[in-house]
């Protein structure tokens, strides 16, 4: 890989510590293509992470404890915010459609292969680089 590669900065958001650990290991294995700039377990932490770390892409679970992340999506993807890829165990088409309408770039089910998530992170970042509007 060329030495001038700028890694995709990824913020991981899930309320399960073991899921965050696994996602972090997955993304770290993609260096220098991707780098984890932070993790969060709540939407408040995610919003702080976006503000403080300026990720290119946020990988976000829909259900964070009692909180539905989609309820605060506009805060996350606001003006020049990061691209969002939902990673969820919820196979509910109405939630997926709501997510896409709120500015999410992709919805990936947790049961899908890791390569699907990595591909969607890359695609989300490419749409950001291309200036694609939501």
Protein backbone atom coordinates (compact mmCIF):
# COMPACT_ATOMS: atom_id res chain seq x y z
CA UNK A 1 0.00 0.00 0.00
CA UNK A 2 1.38 3.47 -0.86
CA UNK A 3 2.92 5.45 1.99
CA UNK A 4 0.65 8.44 1.27
CA UNK A 5 -2.51 6.56 2.26
CA UNK A 6 -4.64 8.52 4.71
CA UNK A 7 -6.51 6.04 6.92
CA UNK A 8 -10.28 6.24 7.27
CA UNK A 9 -10.93 7.47 10.81
CA UNK A 10 -13.62 5.27 12.38
CA UNK A 11 -15.61 5.83 15.59
CA UNK A 12 -17.26 2.67 16.97
CA UNK A 13 -20.53 2.92 18.92
CA UNK A 14 -22.14 -0.09 20.62
CA UNK A 15 -23.39 -0.67 24.15
CA UNK A 16 -21.73 -4.08 24.44
CA UNK A 17 -18.08 -3.95 25.46
CA UNK A 18 -17.21 -7.27 23.78
CA UNK A 19 -18.68 -6.08 20.47
CA UNK A 20 -16.61 -2.88 20.66
CA UNK A 21 -13.52 -4.97 21.41
CA UNK A 22 -14.11 -7.20 18.39
CA UNK A 23 -14.86 -4.28 16.07
CA UNK A 24 -11.73 -2.50 17.26
CA UNK A 25 -9.60 -5.56 16.51
CA UNK A 26 -11.23 -5.88 13.07
CA UNK A 27 -10.58 -2.24 12.15
CA UNK A 28 -7.05 -2.25 13.61
CA UNK A 29 -6.32 -5.19 11.31
CA UNK A 30 -7.04 -2.92 8.35
CA UNK A 31 -4.21 -0.47 9.12
CA UNK A 32 -3.14 1.65 7.24
CA UNK A 33 -6.46 1.68 5.37
CA UNK A 34 -8.53 2.31 8.53
CA UNK A 35 -7.92 3.43 12.10
CA UNK A 36 -10.14 3.48 15.20
CA UNK A 37 -10.23 7.01 16.65
CA UNK A 38 -12.53 6.14 19.54
CA UNK A 39 -15.32 4.04 20.97
CA UNK A 40 -18.61 4.92 22.66
CA UNK A 41 -21.44 3.10 24.40
CA UNK A 42 -24.12 5.81 24.33
CA UNK A 43 -25.31 8.49 21.93
CA UNK A 44 -24.01 11.19 24.28
CA UNK A 45 -20.55 9.60 24.12
CA UNK A 46 -20.88 9.19 20.34
CA UNK A 47 -21.72 12.87 19.87
CA UNK A 48 -18.76 13.85 22.06
CA UNK A 49 -16.52 11.52 20.07
CA UNK A 50 -17.63 13.07 16.79
CA UNK A 51 -16.99 16.55 18.16
CA UNK A 52 -13.60 15.71 19.70
CA UNK A 53 -12.16 13.22 17.19
CA UNK A 54 -13.66 14.18 13.80
CA UNK A 55 -14.17 10.64 12.46
CA UNK A 56 -14.82 10.08 8.77
CA UNK A 57 -17.20 7.19 9.47
CA UNK A 58 -19.21 6.16 12.54
CA UNK A 59 -20.17 2.50 12.92
CA UNK A 60 -23.30 2.64 15.07
CA UNK A 61 -25.66 0.12 16.64
CA UNK A 62 -29.31 1.22 16.51
CA UNK A 63 -30.20 0.03 20.00
CA UNK A 64 -27.95 1.42 22.72
CA UNK A 65 -29.44 0.18 25.98
CA UNK A 66 -32.84 1.85 26.28
CA UNK A 67 -31.91 4.43 23.65
CA UNK A 68 -32.75 4.25 19.94
CA UNK A 69 -29.84 5.91 18.13
CA UNK A 70 -32.11 6.90 15.25
CA UNK A 71 -33.88 9.37 17.54
CA UNK A 72 -30.71 11.48 17.64
CA UNK A 73 -29.37 10.81 14.15
CA UNK A 74 -29.78 14.42 12.99
CA UNK A 75 -27.38 15.52 15.74
CA UNK A 76 -24.83 12.96 14.58
CA UNK A 77 -24.93 13.58 10.84
CA UNK A 78 -25.50 17.36 11.03
CA UNK A 79 -23.54 19.87 8.97
CA UNK A 80 -20.47 18.16 7.53
CA UNK A 81 -20.84 15.35 10.05
CA UNK A 82 -19.39 11.90 9.54
CA UNK A 83 -20.89 9.21 7.36
CA UNK A 84 -22.80 6.62 9.40
CA UNK A 85 -22.90 2.87 8.88
CA UNK A 86 -25.43 1.07 11.06
CA UNK A 87 -24.32 -2.31 12.42
CA UNK A 88 -27.30 -4.01 14.00
CA UNK A 89 -28.72 -7.31 15.11
CA UNK A 90 -32.23 -5.99 14.45
CA UNK A 91 -33.53 -7.39 11.17
CA UNK A 92 -36.49 -5.01 10.96
CA UNK A 93 -37.01 -3.43 7.55
CA UNK A 94 -38.94 -0.45 8.95
CA UNK A 95 -35.96 0.48 11.17
CA UNK A 96 -33.54 0.05 8.26
CA UNK A 97 -35.69 2.31 6.07
CA UNK A 98 -35.92 4.92 8.84
CA UNK A 99 -32.14 4.79 9.23
CA UNK A 100 -31.55 5.34 5.51
CA UNK A 101 -34.01 8.25 5.44
CA UNK A 102 -32.17 9.86 8.36
CA UNK A 103 -28.88 10.04 6.46
CA UNK A 104 -27.28 6.68 7.18
CA UNK A 105 -25.10 5.37 4.32
CA UNK A 106 -25.62 1.64 4.92
CA UNK A 107 -27.22 -0.89 7.25
CA UNK A 108 -25.19 -4.03 7.95
CA UNK A 109 -26.57 -6.92 10.00
CA UNK A 110 -24.25 -8.27 12.71
CA UNK A 111 -24.68 -11.76 11.26
CA UNK A 112 -23.09 -10.73 7.94
CA UNK A 113 -19.40 -11.44 7.25
CA UNK A 114 -16.85 -8.88 8.48
CA UNK A 115 -15.91 -8.10 4.87
CA UNK A 116 -19.37 -6.61 4.33
CA UNK A 117 -18.86 -4.12 7.16
CA UNK A 118 -15.36 -3.20 5.95
CA UNK A 119 -16.66 -2.67 2.41
CA UNK A 120 -19.50 -0.44 3.65
CA UNK A 121 -17.10 1.65 5.76
CA UNK A 122 -14.98 2.19 2.67
CA UNK A 123 -17.99 3.02 0.51
CA UNK A 124 -19.30 5.49 3.09
CA UNK A 125 -15.92 7.19 3.20
CA UNK A 126 -15.75 7.36 -0.59
CA UNK A 127 -19.15 9.06 -0.70
CA UNK A 128 -17.87 11.55 1.88
CA UNK A 129 -14.75 12.22 -0.23
CA UNK A 130 -16.89 12.61 -3.33
CA UNK A 131 -19.04 15.19 -1.58
CA UNK A 132 -22.20 13.12 -1.94
CA UNK A 133 -25.05 14.79 -0.10
CA UNK A 134 -27.46 12.87 2.05
